[in-house]
Amino acid sequence: MITLNFRIVNKREPLLNSVIKSHIILGSITYWRYIYKMKADHITINVTDMKKSEDFYGRILGLKQLETVDMGDHELHYFQIPDGPKVELISYTDDFGEMHPDSKTAGLFRHLAFSVEDLDGLYAKFKENGVKCLTEPAVVPVLNFRNIIAQDPNGVELEFIEY
């Protein structure tokens, strides 16, 4: 017999708020595990040029600009991805230099991917605005979608997918 009991843990229970508790009974063995309810909050990008980055994420991609926060040695500029996390652009007052990893460099963040409804329209907008596109719109048959890969003004690789 397998019994699955799921419940949202009440916020009044210490240390367990935002947790779903699952209880599985297999014969006489009982397993408890906690599944933390999570969703992505923000994606941080260290920028090389804040004005170009704000233009790209705001005007070109159409993300809503939120607050700007002065943290003393750096500023945070937020943009909202619809139904998703925020993009957090960081501009430091000190110059720490730039990294130039290859697309196959292990242990590093590779790219962000966004699903879109009009891939060809977005590609045309990128071309009109001088956005660096690493690929043209293409079908990826094994994954059953079309995509393009572009770079933001900071060299961050972005994939745009149309299902």
N, C-alpha and C. Protein backbone atom coordinates (compact mmCIF):
# COMPACT_ATOMS: atom_id res chain seq x y z
N MET A 1 0.84 -1.18 0.00
CA MET A 1 0.00 0.00 0.00
C MET A 1 0.88 1.24 0.00
N ILE A 2 0.55 2.21 -0.84
CA ILE A 2 1.26 3.48 -0.88
C ILE A 2 0.25 4.58 -0.54
N THR A 3 0.58 5.36 0.45
CA THR A 3 -0.26 6.48 0.85
C THR A 3 0.55 7.76 0.68
N LEU A 4 0.02 8.71 -0.05
CA LEU A 4 0.69 10.01 -0.21
C LEU A 4 -0.16 11.06 0.48
N ASN A 5 0.43 11.75 1.42
CA ASN A 5 -0.25 12.83 2.12
C ASN A 5 0.52 14.11 1.86
N PHE A 6 -0.10 15.07 1.21
CA PHE A 6 0.53 16.36 0.98
C PHE A 6 -0.25 17.43 1.71
N ARG A 7 0.45 18.33 2.35
CA ARG A 7 -0.21 19.46 2.97
C ARG A 7 0.74 20.64 2.99
N ILE A 8 0.19 21.81 2.86
CA ILE A 8 1.00 23.02 2.99
C ILE A 8 1.18 23.24 4.49
N VAL A 9 2.40 23.39 4.90
CA VAL A 9 2.68 23.59 6.31
C VAL A 9 2.30 25.01 6.70
N ASN A 10 1.57 25.13 7.76
CA ASN A 10 1.09 26.42 8.26
C ASN A 10 2.26 27.31 8.63
N LYS A 11 2.14 28.60 8.35
CA LYS A 11 3.22 29.53 8.67
C LYS A 11 3.51 29.61 10.16
N ARG A 12 2.58 29.15 10.97
CA ARG A 12 2.80 29.19 12.42
C ARG A 12 3.75 28.08 12.89
N GLU A 13 4.00 27.10 12.03
CA GLU A 13 4.92 26.03 12.42
C GLU A 13 6.35 26.53 12.20
N PRO A 14 7.16 26.61 13.24
CA PRO A 14 8.51 27.19 13.11
C PRO A 14 9.39 26.40 12.15
N LEU A 15 10.17 27.14 11.38
CA LEU A 15 11.18 26.61 10.46
C LEU A 15 10.61 25.82 9.30
N LEU A 16 9.31 25.67 9.19
CA LEU A 16 8.76 24.85 8.13
C LEU A 16 7.81 25.62 7.21
N ASN A 17 7.76 26.95 7.32
CA ASN A 17 6.84 27.66 6.44
C ASN A 17 7.33 27.52 5.00
N SER A 18 6.40 27.59 4.07
CA SER A 18 6.65 27.40 2.64
C SER A 18 7.16 26.00 2.32
N VAL A 19 6.75 25.02 3.06
CA VAL A 19 7.21 23.65 2.84
C VAL A 19 6.01 22.75 2.63
N ILE A 20 6.11 21.84 1.68
CA ILE A 20 5.10 20.80 1.52
C ILE A 20 5.70 19.54 2.13
N LYS A 21 4.96 18.91 3.01
CA LYS A 21 5.45 17.70 3.66
C LYS A 21 4.79 16.50 2.98
N SER A 22 5.58 15.56 2.50
CA SER A 22 5.01 14.35 1.92
C SER A 22 5.34 13.16 2.80
N HIS A 23 4.36 12.33 3.01
CA HIS A 23 4.49 11.17 3.88
C HIS A 23 4.20 9.93 3.03
N ILE A 24 5.15 9.05 2.90
CA ILE A 24 4.99 7.86 2.08
C ILE A 24 5.12 6.63 2.96
N ILE A 25 4.11 5.75 2.92
CA ILE A 25 4.15 4.51 3.69
C ILE A 25 4.33 3.36 2.71
N LEU A 26 5.40 2.62 2.84
CA LEU A 26 5.66 1.43 2.02
C LEU A 26 5.78 0.25 2.98
N GLY A 27 4.73 -0.56 3.07
CA GLY A 27 4.74 -1.65 4.04
C GLY A 27 4.82 -1.07 5.42
N SER A 28 5.84 -1.43 6.17
CA SER A 28 5.98 -0.92 7.52
C SER A 28 7.04 0.19 7.60
N ILE A 29 7.58 0.61 6.45
CA ILE A 29 8.62 1.64 6.44
C ILE A 29 7.97 2.98 6.12
N THR A 30 8.26 3.98 6.89
CA THR A 30 7.71 5.32 6.67
C THR A 30 8.84 6.26 6.25
N TYR A 31 8.62 6.99 5.19
CA TYR A 31 9.58 7.98 4.70
C TYR A 31 8.95 9.36 4.80
N TRP A 32 9.69 10.30 5.35
CA TRP A 32 9.25 11.69 5.37
C TRP A 32 10.25 12.50 4.56
N ARG A 33 9.75 13.37 3.76
CA ARG A 33 10.65 14.28 3.07
C ARG A 33 9.96 15.62 2.94
N TYR A 34 10.75 16.64 2.88
CA TYR A 34 10.23 18.00 2.77
C TYR A 34 10.56 18.52 1.39
N ILE A 35 9.55 19.02 0.70
CA ILE A 35 9.72 19.60 -0.61
C ILE A 35 9.51 21.10 -0.45
N TYR A 36 10.56 21.87 -0.59
CA TYR A 36 10.46 23.31 -0.42
C TYR A 36 9.79 23.94 -1.63
N LYS A 37 8.77 24.72 -1.39
CA LYS A 37 8.11 25.43 -2.48
C LYS A 37 9.01 26.56 -2.91
N MET A 38 9.44 26.51 -4.16
CA MET A 38 10.36 27.53 -4.66
C MET A 38 9.88 28.05 -6.00
N LYS A 39 10.26 29.26 -6.27
CA LYS A 39 10.16 29.83 -7.60
C LYS A 39 11.34 30.78 -7.76
N ALA A 40 11.76 30.96 -8.98
CA ALA A 40 12.89 31.85 -9.23
C ALA A 40 12.49 33.27 -8.88
N ASP A 41 13.37 34.00 -8.20
CA ASP A 41 13.09 35.37 -7.80
C ASP A 41 13.76 36.37 -8.74
N HIS A 42 15.06 36.20 -8.99
CA HIS A 42 15.74 37.12 -9.89
C HIS A 42 16.98 36.48 -10.49
N ILE A 43 17.40 37.06 -11.60
CA ILE A 43 18.60 36.64 -12.32
C ILE A 43 19.51 37.86 -12.33
N THR A 44 20.73 37.71 -11.83
CA THR A 44 21.64 38.84 -11.70
C THR A 44 22.64 38.87 -12.86
N ILE A 45 22.81 40.05 -13.42
CA ILE A 45 23.79 40.25 -14.49
C ILE A 45 24.67 41.43 -14.11
N ASN A 46 25.97 41.21 -14.02
CA ASN A 46 26.92 42.31 -13.82
C ASN A 46 27.10 43.00 -15.16
N VAL A 47 26.76 44.28 -15.23
CA VAL A 47 26.76 44.96 -16.52
C VAL A 47 28.08 45.66 -16.81
N THR A 48 28.34 45.82 -18.09
CA THR A 48 29.49 46.59 -18.54
C THR A 48 29.07 48.01 -18.89
N ASP A 49 27.78 48.19 -19.25
CA ASP A 49 27.25 49.50 -19.61
C ASP A 49 25.78 49.53 -19.19
N MET A 50 25.45 50.26 -18.12
CA MET A 50 24.09 50.25 -17.59
C MET A 50 23.10 50.86 -18.58
N LYS A 51 23.45 51.97 -19.22
CA LYS A 51 22.51 52.62 -20.15
C LYS A 51 22.14 51.68 -21.30
N LYS A 52 23.13 51.01 -21.90
CA LYS A 52 22.85 50.07 -22.99
C LYS A 52 22.03 48.88 -22.47
N SER A 53 22.32 48.44 -21.25
CA SER A 53 21.60 47.30 -20.66
C SER A 53 20.15 47.66 -20.38
N GLU A 54 19.92 48.86 -19.83
CA GLU A 54 18.55 49.31 -19.58
C GLU A 54 17.77 49.45 -20.88
N ASP A 55 18.42 49.96 -21.92
CA ASP A 55 17.77 50.09 -23.22
C ASP A 55 17.40 48.71 -23.77
N PHE A 56 18.32 47.76 -23.65
CA PHE A 56 18.09 46.42 -24.19
C PHE A 56 16.95 45.72 -23.46
N TYR A 57 17.02 45.66 -22.13
CA TYR A 57 16.00 44.92 -21.37
C TYR A 57 14.67 45.67 -21.31
N GLY A 58 14.72 46.99 -21.35
CA GLY A 58 13.50 47.79 -21.30
C GLY A 58 12.88 48.00 -22.66
N ARG A 59 13.53 48.77 -23.52
CA ARG A 59 12.94 49.15 -24.81
C ARG A 59 12.91 47.98 -25.80
N ILE A 60 14.02 47.27 -25.94
CA ILE A 60 14.09 46.23 -26.97
C ILE A 60 13.31 44.97 -26.56
N LEU A 61 13.57 44.46 -25.34
CA LEU A 61 12.83 43.27 -24.91
C LEU A 61 11.45 43.59 -24.33
N GLY A 62 11.23 44.83 -23.97
CA GLY A 62 9.91 45.24 -23.47
C GLY A 62 9.62 44.86 -22.03
N LEU A 63 10.67 44.61 -21.23
CA LEU A 63 10.45 44.29 -19.82
C LEU A 63 10.16 45.57 -19.05
N LYS A 64 9.27 45.46 -18.08
CA LYS A 64 8.90 46.61 -17.26
C LYS A 64 10.04 46.93 -16.29
N GLN A 65 10.49 48.19 -16.30
CA GLN A 65 11.53 48.60 -15.37
C GLN A 65 10.90 48.85 -14.00
N LEU A 66 11.51 48.27 -12.99
CA LEU A 66 11.05 48.43 -11.61
C LEU A 66 11.97 49.41 -10.90
N GLU A 67 12.23 49.18 -9.64
CA GLU A 67 13.02 50.11 -8.85
C GLU A 67 14.53 50.02 -9.13
N THR A 68 15.21 51.09 -8.74
CA THR A 68 16.67 51.14 -8.74
C THR A 68 17.08 51.33 -7.29
N VAL A 69 18.05 50.55 -6.84
CA VAL A 69 18.47 50.58 -5.44
C VAL A 69 19.96 50.90 -5.38
N ASP A 70 20.32 51.94 -4.63
CA ASP A 70 21.72 52.30 -4.42
C ASP A 70 22.23 51.54 -3.21
N MET A 71 23.20 50.65 -3.43
CA MET A 71 23.76 49.82 -2.37
C MET A 71 25.10 50.36 -1.86
N GLY A 72 25.46 51.57 -2.25
CA GLY A 72 26.73 52.15 -1.81
C GLY A 72 27.82 51.92 -2.84
N ASP A 73 28.36 50.71 -2.91
CA ASP A 73 29.42 50.41 -3.87
C ASP A 73 28.88 49.88 -5.19
N HIS A 74 27.55 49.70 -5.29
CA HIS A 74 26.94 49.28 -6.55
C HIS A 74 25.45 49.65 -6.58
N GLU A 75 24.89 49.69 -7.78
CA GLU A 75 23.47 49.96 -7.96
C GLU A 75 22.79 48.74 -8.56
N LEU A 76 21.55 48.52 -8.13
CA LEU A 76 20.72 47.43 -8.65
C LEU A 76 19.59 48.04 -9.45
N HIS A 77 19.42 47.59 -10.68
CA HIS A 77 18.34 48.06 -11.54
C HIS A 77 17.51 46.83 -11.90
N TYR A 78 16.21 46.87 -11.55
CA TYR A 78 15.35 45.70 -11.72
C TYR A 78 14.40 45.83 -12.91
N PHE A 79 14.20 44.72 -13.61
CA PHE A 79 13.23 44.60 -14.70
C PHE A 79 12.42 43.34 -14.45
N GLN A 80 11.13 43.38 -14.77
CA GLN A 80 10.24 42.24 -14.52
C GLN A 80 10.01 41.43 -15.78
N ILE A 81 10.31 40.13 -15.71
CA ILE A 81 9.94 39.20 -16.78
C ILE A 81 8.48 38.83 -16.52
N PRO A 82 7.59 38.97 -17.52
CA PRO A 82 6.18 38.63 -17.28
C PRO A 82 6.03 37.20 -16.76
N ASP A 83 5.28 37.04 -15.69
CA ASP A 83 5.02 35.73 -15.08
C ASP A 83 6.32 34.99 -14.71
N GLY A 84 7.37 35.72 -14.42
CA GLY A 84 8.63 35.07 -14.10
C GLY A 84 9.44 35.88 -13.12
N PRO A 85 10.71 35.55 -13.03
CA PRO A 85 11.58 36.28 -12.09
C PRO A 85 11.94 37.66 -12.62
N LYS A 86 12.61 38.42 -11.80
CA LYS A 86 13.12 39.73 -12.20
C LYS A 86 14.52 39.56 -12.78
N VAL A 87 14.91 40.51 -13.61
CA VAL A 87 16.30 40.63 -14.05
C VAL A 87 16.90 41.72 -13.19
N GLU A 88 18.00 41.42 -12.53
CA GLU A 88 18.69 42.36 -11.66
C GLU A 88 20.00 42.74 -12.33
N LEU A 89 20.08 43.99 -12.79
CA LEU A 89 21.30 44.48 -13.42
C LEU A 89 22.13 45.19 -12.36
N ILE A 90 23.41 44.83 -12.26
CA ILE A 90 24.28 45.41 -11.24
C ILE A 90 25.40 46.19 -11.92
N SER A 91 25.59 47.41 -11.43
CA SER A 91 26.68 48.26 -11.88
C SER A 91 27.53 48.60 -10.67
N TYR A 92 28.78 48.15 -10.66
CA TYR A 92 29.70 48.42 -9.56
C TYR A 92 30.47 49.72 -9.80
N THR A 93 30.84 50.39 -8.70
CA THR A 93 31.64 51.61 -8.83
C THR A 93 33.10 51.28 -9.13
N ASP A 94 33.57 50.12 -8.71
CA ASP A 94 34.94 49.68 -9.00
C ASP A 94 34.93 48.81 -10.25
N ASP A 95 35.99 48.90 -11.05
CA ASP A 95 36.11 48.08 -12.25
C ASP A 95 36.91 46.83 -11.89
N PHE A 96 36.25 45.67 -11.96
CA PHE A 96 36.91 44.41 -11.64
C PHE A 96 37.38 43.66 -12.87
N GLY A 97 37.22 44.24 -14.05
CA GLY A 97 37.63 43.58 -15.28
C GLY A 97 36.51 42.71 -15.83
N GLU A 98 36.78 42.08 -16.97
CA GLU A 98 35.78 41.26 -17.64
C GLU A 98 36.30 39.85 -17.83
N MET A 99 35.36 38.90 -17.85
CA MET A 99 35.65 37.50 -18.14
C MET A 99 35.16 37.20 -19.54
N HIS A 100 35.86 36.37 -20.27
CA HIS A 100 35.44 36.00 -21.61
C HIS A 100 35.44 34.48 -21.76
N PRO A 101 34.48 33.80 -21.12
CA PRO A 101 34.44 32.34 -21.25
C PRO A 101 33.92 31.93 -22.62
N ASP A 102 34.27 30.74 -23.02
CA ASP A 102 33.79 30.14 -24.25
C ASP A 102 32.46 29.45 -23.97
N SER A 103 31.67 29.18 -24.99
CA SER A 103 30.37 28.53 -24.78
C SER A 103 30.52 27.12 -24.19
N LYS A 104 31.71 26.55 -24.24
CA LYS A 104 31.92 25.21 -23.68
C LYS A 104 32.71 25.24 -22.37
N THR A 105 32.97 26.42 -21.82
CA THR A 105 33.70 26.53 -20.56
C THR A 105 32.88 25.89 -19.45
N ALA A 106 33.44 24.91 -18.78
CA ALA A 106 32.71 24.17 -17.74
C ALA A 106 32.62 24.98 -16.45
N GLY A 107 31.55 24.75 -15.72
CA GLY A 107 31.40 25.34 -14.40
C GLY A 107 30.89 26.77 -14.39
N LEU A 108 30.48 27.28 -15.53
CA LEU A 108 29.98 28.64 -15.61
C LEU A 108 28.56 28.65 -16.14
N PHE A 109 27.83 29.69 -15.80
CA PHE A 109 26.51 29.93 -16.34
C PHE A 109 26.60 30.01 -17.86
N ARG A 110 25.71 29.33 -18.56
CA ARG A 110 25.78 29.29 -20.03
C ARG A 110 24.88 30.34 -20.68
N HIS A 111 23.56 30.26 -20.43
CA HIS A 111 22.65 31.23 -21.04
C HIS A 111 21.30 31.23 -20.34
N LEU A 112 20.52 32.28 -20.62
CA LEU A 112 19.13 32.36 -20.20
C LEU A 112 18.28 32.04 -21.41
N ALA A 113 17.15 31.38 -21.19
CA ALA A 113 16.24 31.07 -22.29
C ALA A 113 14.85 31.62 -21.98
N PHE A 114 14.25 32.24 -22.97
CA PHE A 114 12.91 32.81 -22.86
C PHE A 114 12.04 32.23 -23.96
N SER A 115 10.81 31.89 -23.63
CA SER A 115 9.88 31.48 -24.69
C SER A 115 9.17 32.74 -25.19
N VAL A 116 9.00 32.83 -26.49
CA VAL A 116 8.36 33.99 -27.12
C VAL A 116 7.31 33.50 -28.11
N GLU A 117 6.41 34.41 -28.48
CA GLU A 117 5.35 34.05 -29.42
C GLU A 117 5.67 34.42 -30.86
N ASP A 118 6.56 35.40 -31.08
CA ASP A 118 6.88 35.85 -32.43
C ASP A 118 8.39 35.93 -32.60
N LEU A 119 8.99 34.80 -32.87
CA LEU A 119 10.45 34.72 -33.00
C LEU A 119 10.96 35.57 -34.16
N ASP A 120 10.28 35.51 -35.29
CA ASP A 120 10.73 36.27 -36.46
C ASP A 120 10.63 37.77 -36.21
N GLY A 121 9.56 38.20 -35.53
CA GLY A 121 9.42 39.62 -35.20
C GLY A 121 10.51 40.09 -34.26
N LEU A 122 10.83 39.26 -33.26
CA LEU A 122 11.90 39.61 -32.32
C LEU A 122 13.24 39.67 -33.03
N TYR A 123 13.49 38.70 -33.92
CA TYR A 123 14.74 38.69 -34.68
C TYR A 123 14.87 39.97 -35.52
N ALA A 124 13.78 40.38 -36.17
CA ALA A 124 13.80 41.61 -36.96
C ALA A 124 14.09 42.82 -36.07
N LYS A 125 13.49 42.86 -34.87
CA LYS A 125 13.73 43.96 -33.94
C LYS A 125 15.20 43.98 -33.50
N PHE A 126 15.76 42.80 -33.26
CA PHE A 126 17.18 42.72 -32.91
C PHE A 126 18.04 43.28 -34.04
N LYS A 127 17.76 42.89 -35.26
CA LYS A 127 18.55 43.36 -36.41
C LYS A 127 18.43 44.88 -36.56
N GLU A 128 17.22 45.41 -36.40
CA GLU A 128 16.99 46.86 -36.51
C GLU A 128 17.77 47.64 -35.45
N ASN A 129 17.97 47.03 -34.29
CA ASN A 129 18.61 47.72 -33.16
C ASN A 129 20.06 47.32 -32.95
N GLY A 130 20.65 46.59 -33.88
CA GLY A 130 22.06 46.24 -33.79
C GLY A 130 22.40 45.24 -32.71
N VAL A 131 21.42 44.43 -32.28
CA VAL A 131 21.68 43.40 -31.27
C VAL A 131 22.48 42.27 -31.93
N LYS A 132 23.53 41.83 -31.27
CA LYS A 132 24.36 40.76 -31.82
C LYS A 132 23.61 39.42 -31.73
N CYS A 133 23.31 38.86 -32.89
CA CYS A 133 22.65 37.54 -32.96
C CYS A 133 23.68 36.50 -33.34
N LEU A 134 23.81 35.47 -32.54
CA LEU A 134 24.78 34.41 -32.80
C LEU A 134 24.24 33.38 -33.78
N THR A 135 22.89 33.31 -33.88
CA THR A 135 22.25 32.41 -34.84
C THR A 135 21.08 33.14 -35.48
N GLU A 136 20.63 32.62 -36.59
CA GLU A 136 19.39 33.08 -37.22
C GLU A 136 18.28 32.16 -36.72
N PRO A 137 17.01 32.57 -36.90
CA PRO A 137 15.92 31.66 -36.50
C PRO A 137 16.08 30.31 -37.19
N ALA A 138 16.01 29.26 -36.40
CA ALA A 138 16.20 27.91 -36.93
C ALA A 138 15.35 26.91 -36.16
N VAL A 139 15.00 25.84 -36.83
CA VAL A 139 14.24 24.76 -36.21
C VAL A 139 15.22 23.84 -35.51
N VAL A 140 14.87 23.44 -34.29
CA VAL A 140 15.64 22.44 -33.54
C VAL A 140 14.72 21.21 -33.45
N PRO A 141 14.77 20.32 -34.44
CA PRO A 141 13.79 19.24 -34.54
C PRO A 141 13.74 18.31 -33.32
N VAL A 142 14.88 17.98 -32.77
CA VAL A 142 14.91 17.04 -31.65
C VAL A 142 14.25 17.63 -30.40
N LEU A 143 14.21 18.96 -30.27
CA LEU A 143 13.58 19.62 -29.13
C LEU A 143 12.21 20.21 -29.49
N ASN A 144 11.85 20.12 -30.76
CA ASN A 144 10.52 20.52 -31.22
C ASN A 144 10.22 22.01 -31.01
N PHE A 145 11.20 22.87 -31.34
CA PHE A 145 10.97 24.31 -31.31
C PHE A 145 11.88 25.01 -32.29
N ARG A 146 11.62 26.31 -32.50
CA ARG A 146 12.50 27.19 -33.26
C ARG A 146 13.19 28.10 -32.26
N ASN A 147 14.41 28.56 -32.59
CA ASN A 147 15.10 29.45 -31.66
C ASN A 147 16.07 30.37 -32.37
N ILE A 148 16.50 31.38 -31.63
CA ILE A 148 17.65 32.21 -31.99
C ILE A 148 18.46 32.39 -30.71
N ILE A 149 19.73 32.64 -30.89
CA ILE A 149 20.61 32.93 -29.75
C ILE A 149 21.23 34.30 -30.02
N ALA A 150 21.12 35.17 -29.03
CA ALA A 150 21.64 36.54 -29.16
C ALA A 150 22.47 36.87 -27.92
N GLN A 151 23.12 38.02 -27.95
CA GLN A 151 23.86 38.50 -26.77
C GLN A 151 23.30 39.83 -26.33
N ASP A 152 23.22 40.01 -25.01
CA ASP A 152 22.84 41.32 -24.49
C ASP A 152 24.07 42.22 -24.56
N PRO A 153 23.97 43.49 -24.20
CA PRO A 153 25.12 44.41 -24.30
C PRO A 153 26.32 44.01 -23.43
N ASN A 154 26.12 43.09 -22.50
CA ASN A 154 27.19 42.65 -21.60
C ASN A 154 27.85 41.36 -22.06
N GLY A 155 27.39 40.83 -23.19
CA GLY A 155 27.93 39.56 -23.69
C GLY A 155 27.21 38.35 -23.13
N VAL A 156 26.12 38.54 -22.36
CA VAL A 156 25.37 37.41 -21.82
C VAL A 156 24.57 36.78 -22.95
N GLU A 157 24.72 35.46 -23.08
CA GLU A 157 24.02 34.73 -24.14
C GLU A 157 22.56 34.51 -23.74
N LEU A 158 21.65 34.86 -24.65
CA LEU A 158 20.21 34.71 -24.43
C LEU A 158 19.63 33.88 -25.55
N GLU A 159 18.83 32.88 -25.19
CA GLU A 159 18.14 32.07 -26.19
C GLU A 159 16.67 32.43 -26.18
N PHE A 160 16.09 32.56 -27.35
CA PHE A 160 14.67 32.86 -27.49
C PHE A 160 14.03 31.71 -28.26
N ILE A 161 13.00 31.11 -27.66
CA ILE A 161 12.41 29.87 -28.17
C ILE A 161 10.95 30.11 -28.54
N GLU A 162 10.55 29.59 -29.69
CA GLU A 162 9.15 29.62 -30.10
C GLU A 162 8.70 28.17 -30.29
N TYR A 163 7.68 27.77 -29.51
CA TYR A 163 7.16 26.40 -29.61
C TYR A 163 6.10 26.32 -30.66
